């Protein structure tokens, strides 16, 4: 999904969900997402393959680990000190599925396992990523919002909860709606010409979003 090497700091430095949501509200909130950012996605016609993600951390992982999604469950996988964005494992590949503005480019911070080969968001999307990066930096959103691949996403599972060090995607309605925070946005041209918010994060009754009480898409 991203052409740059993997830097464990790209994941480690992510803020908590609570802080990420605060930062978003302090810098335009969802109006900037459903306005100029949505227009950028649609103008470049990348909305079927790419979504917009709120940058935050599910839980801590070790430098030799990567957070890898397999069949809608994300867990830390041991990947050693290999910094290549795409690595081979289990007769398949661990490939980036989420990327963020990082050290002058786009750097991966979450991954998925695929048996079919690697994927790269930069293929056919270089101009889009360049324009999005410029806009995010100018809007002070480069450390708040990132890009997520949609190709392998299960559209029937839009709420993610955390059990231990596993993030599990569930159907919407699995938790109370008032406990949800938008964590990813999927854009489309529907009859109302609106942004469709599809993925959310769960917070417990105390408002906590970290450790075993946290989940997000």
Protein backbone atom coordinates (compact mmCIF):
# COMPACT_ATOMS: atom_id res chain seq x y z
CA UNK A 1 0.00 0.00 0.00
CA UNK A 2 2.90 2.36 0.61
CA UNK A 3 6.25 2.43 -1.10
CA UNK A 4 8.36 3.54 1.87
CA UNK A 5 9.93 1.19 4.40
CA UNK A 6 8.16 0.30 7.63
CA UNK A 7 9.24 2.31 10.65
CA UNK A 8 7.86 0.91 13.96
CA UNK A 9 7.71 4.48 15.23
CA UNK A 10 4.95 5.18 12.68
CA UNK A 11 2.69 2.96 14.81
CA UNK A 12 4.19 3.64 18.23
CA UNK A 13 3.74 7.41 17.90
CA UNK A 14 0.01 7.20 17.15
CA UNK A 15 -2.18 9.01 19.70
CA UNK A 16 -4.99 7.45 21.68
CA UNK A 17 -8.45 7.49 20.13
CA UNK A 18 -9.62 10.12 22.61
CA UNK A 19 -6.71 12.41 21.78
CA UNK A 20 -7.05 11.81 18.03
CA UNK A 21 -10.73 12.74 18.14
CA UNK A 22 -9.89 15.86 20.16
CA UNK A 23 -7.29 16.91 17.60
CA UNK A 24 -9.74 16.38 14.76
CA UNK A 25 -12.38 18.54 16.43
CA UNK A 26 -9.78 21.26 17.08
CA UNK A 27 -8.84 21.31 13.39
CA UNK A 28 -12.13 21.50 11.53
CA UNK A 29 -13.93 18.36 12.68
CA UNK A 30 -15.90 16.20 10.27
CA UNK A 31 -16.92 19.22 8.17
CA UNK A 32 -13.45 19.35 6.66
CA UNK A 33 -13.70 15.61 5.92
CA UNK A 34 -17.14 15.71 4.32
CA UNK A 35 -16.18 18.89 2.45
CA UNK A 36 -12.77 19.42 0.80
CA UNK A 37 -11.28 16.02 1.63
CA UNK A 38 -14.29 14.17 0.25
CA UNK A 39 -14.12 16.29 -2.90
CA UNK A 40 -10.46 15.33 -3.33
CA UNK A 41 -11.26 11.61 -3.10
CA UNK A 42 -14.09 11.90 -5.62
CA UNK A 43 -12.16 14.09 -8.04
CA UNK A 44 -9.38 11.51 -8.25
CA UNK A 45 -11.92 8.63 -8.34
CA UNK A 46 -10.15 6.66 -5.62
CA UNK A 47 -13.16 6.32 -3.29
CA UNK A 48 -13.87 2.69 -4.22
CA UNK A 49 -10.41 1.57 -3.14
CA UNK A 50 -9.31 4.07 -0.50
CA UNK A 51 -10.88 5.47 2.66
CA UNK A 52 -9.87 8.10 5.19
CA UNK A 53 -8.72 6.92 8.63
CA UNK A 54 -8.47 8.66 11.99
CA UNK A 55 -4.89 8.06 13.13
CA UNK A 56 -4.78 6.42 16.54
CA UNK A 57 -3.37 3.41 18.32
CA UNK A 58 -5.24 0.30 19.39
CA UNK A 59 -2.59 -0.85 21.87
CA UNK A 60 1.19 -0.96 22.16
CA UNK A 61 3.19 -3.44 20.11
CA UNK A 62 6.88 -4.32 20.08
CA UNK A 63 9.31 -2.95 17.44
CA UNK A 64 9.63 -6.49 16.01
CA UNK A 65 5.85 -6.77 15.61
CA UNK A 66 3.34 -5.44 13.11
CA UNK A 67 -0.41 -5.17 13.52
CA UNK A 68 -1.76 -7.53 10.84
CA UNK A 69 -5.37 -8.14 9.81
CA UNK A 70 -6.52 -11.60 8.75
CA UNK A 71 -10.22 -12.27 8.14
CA UNK A 72 -11.37 -9.19 10.08
CA UNK A 73 -9.19 -9.88 13.14
CA UNK A 74 -6.04 -7.80 13.69
CA UNK A 75 -3.27 -9.08 15.96
CA UNK A 76 0.45 -8.37 16.42
CA UNK A 77 2.60 -10.63 14.24
CA UNK A 78 6.29 -11.25 14.77
CA UNK A 79 8.13 -9.87 11.75
CA UNK A 80 11.64 -9.39 13.13
CA UNK A 81 13.77 -6.43 12.14
CA UNK A 82 12.76 -6.47 8.47
CA UNK A 83 11.82 -2.93 7.45
CA UNK A 84 10.49 -3.71 3.96
CA UNK A 85 6.90 -2.52 3.56
CA UNK A 86 5.95 -5.91 2.09
CA UNK A 87 7.34 -9.10 3.59
CA UNK A 88 6.79 -12.80 2.83
CA UNK A 89 5.29 -15.07 5.48
CA UNK A 90 3.27 -18.32 5.54
CA UNK A 91 3.49 -18.68 1.74
CA UNK A 92 1.83 -15.29 1.44
CA UNK A 93 2.59 -11.65 2.08
CA UNK A 94 2.15 -9.13 4.86
CA UNK A 95 1.23 -5.93 3.02
CA UNK A 96 0.33 -2.40 4.16
CA UNK A 97 -3.38 -1.64 4.48
CA UNK A 98 -3.12 1.77 6.21
CA UNK A 99 -0.60 4.53 5.63
CA UNK A 100 0.11 7.96 7.07
CA UNK A 101 2.16 11.03 6.27
CA UNK A 102 5.59 10.08 7.57
CA UNK A 103 9.06 11.61 7.22
CA UNK A 104 8.39 13.38 3.94
CA UNK A 105 6.38 10.58 2.34
CA UNK A 106 3.71 8.02 3.11
CA UNK A 107 4.59 5.31 5.62
CA UNK A 108 2.59 2.18 6.52
CA UNK A 109 1.43 1.62 10.10
CA UNK A 110 -1.11 -1.23 9.81
CA UNK A 111 -1.01 -4.34 7.63
CA UNK A 112 -2.99 -7.28 6.30
CA UNK A 113 -2.11 -10.81 5.23
CA UNK A 114 -2.76 -11.86 1.66
CA UNK A 115 -1.99 -15.07 -0.20
CA UNK A 116 -2.29 -13.49 -3.63
CA UNK A 117 0.57 -11.01 -3.50
CA UNK A 118 1.35 -7.43 -2.60
CA UNK A 119 -0.78 -4.33 -3.03
CA UNK A 120 0.34 -0.76 -3.37
CA UNK A 121 -1.84 2.29 -2.87
CA UNK A 122 0.63 4.32 -4.93
CA UNK A 123 -0.31 2.44 -8.10
CA UNK A 124 -2.44 4.93 -10.01
CA UNK A 125 -2.83 7.11 -6.92
CA UNK A 126 0.44 9.04 -6.78
CA UNK A 127 -1.10 12.39 -7.74
CA UNK A 128 -3.96 11.89 -5.29
CA UNK A 129 -1.57 11.10 -2.44
CA UNK A 130 0.56 14.10 -3.29
CA UNK A 131 -2.44 16.45 -3.25
CA UNK A 132 -3.87 14.88 -0.10
CA UNK A 133 -0.51 15.19 1.67
CA UNK A 134 -0.28 18.86 0.76
CA UNK A 135 -3.82 19.53 1.98
CA UNK A 136 -3.32 17.64 5.25
CA UNK A 137 -0.11 19.51 6.03
CA UNK A 138 -1.66 22.88 5.21
CA UNK A 139 -4.64 22.05 7.44
CA UNK A 140 -2.54 20.69 10.34
CA UNK A 141 -4.17 17.30 9.80
CA UNK A 142 -1.13 15.30 8.66
CA UNK A 143 -0.75 13.70 12.12
CA UNK A 144 -4.51 13.20 12.52
CA UNK A 145 -5.74 11.58 9.28
CA UNK A 146 -4.35 8.82 7.07
CA UNK A 147 -5.39 6.54 4.20
CA UNK A 148 -6.83 3.03 4.40
CA UNK A 149 -7.19 0.42 1.64
CA UNK A 150 -10.76 -0.84 1.18
CA UNK A 151 -10.33 -3.77 -1.22
CA UNK A 152 -10.33 -6.48 1.48
CA UNK A 153 -12.74 -4.77 3.86
CA UNK A 154 -15.90 -6.59 4.98
CA UNK A 155 -18.70 -4.04 4.51
CA UNK A 156 -20.95 -6.00 6.88
CA UNK A 157 -18.56 -5.52 9.80
CA UNK A 158 -18.19 -1.87 10.74
CA UNK A 159 -17.51 -1.88 14.49
CA UNK A 160 -14.23 -3.07 15.91
CA UNK A 161 -13.74 -4.08 19.53
CA UNK A 162 -10.59 -5.19 21.30
CA UNK A 163 -10.18 -8.37 23.31
CA UNK A 164 -6.70 -8.62 24.78
CA UNK A 165 -4.38 -7.81 21.90
CA UNK A 166 -6.87 -8.72 19.19
CA UNK A 167 -9.08 -6.27 17.31
CA UNK A 168 -12.26 -7.93 16.06
CA UNK A 169 -14.66 -6.52 13.48
CA UNK A 170 -18.35 -6.91 14.35
CA UNK A 171 -21.61 -5.87 12.73
CA UNK A 172 -22.99 -2.44 13.54
CA UNK A 173 -25.48 -2.82 16.38
CA UNK A 174 -23.10 -5.00 18.40
CA UNK A 175 -22.56 -2.08 20.80
CA UNK A 176 -24.68 0.91 21.75
CA UNK A 177 -24.65 3.61 19.08
CA UNK A 178 -23.88 6.34 21.62
CA UNK A 179 -20.63 4.55 22.39
CA UNK A 180 -19.32 4.88 18.83
CA UNK A 181 -16.77 7.34 17.48
CA UNK A 182 -16.13 7.68 13.76
CA UNK A 183 -12.76 6.18 12.87
CA UNK A 184 -12.93 5.78 9.10
CA UNK A 185 -14.82 7.45 6.29
CA UNK A 186 -15.85 5.90 2.98
CA UNK A 187 -16.95 8.35 0.33
CA UNK A 188 -19.49 7.87 -2.42
CA UNK A 189 -21.92 9.62 -4.74
CA UNK A 190 -25.27 8.69 -3.22
CA UNK A 191 -28.58 10.45 -3.77
CA UNK A 192 -27.79 13.03 -1.11
CA UNK A 193 -24.18 13.41 -2.27
CA UNK A 194 -22.92 12.76 1.24
CA UNK A 195 -20.00 11.06 2.91
CA UNK A 196 -20.85 7.60 4.23
CA UNK A 197 -19.28 7.01 7.62
CA UNK A 198 -18.83 3.27 7.91
CA UNK A 199 -16.39 2.45 10.68
CA UNK A 200 -16.43 3.47 14.29
CA UNK A 201 -14.66 2.97 17.59
CA UNK A 202 -16.04 1.72 20.86
CA UNK A 203 -15.51 3.45 24.20
CA UNK A 204 -16.46 2.05 27.59
CA UNK A 205 -18.78 3.72 30.10
CA UNK A 206 -15.88 5.63 31.58
CA UNK A 207 -14.93 7.00 28.19
CA UNK A 208 -11.73 4.94 27.97
CA UNK A 209 -10.40 3.91 24.56
CA UNK A 210 -7.15 2.14 25.35
CA UNK A 211 -6.06 -1.33 26.42
CA UNK A 212 -8.73 -4.04 26.52
CA UNK A 213 -11.58 -1.51 26.35
CA UNK A 214 -10.63 -0.08 23.00
CA UNK A 215 -11.57 -0.99 19.49
CA UNK A 216 -11.67 0.82 16.21
CA UNK A 217 -11.83 0.35 12.47
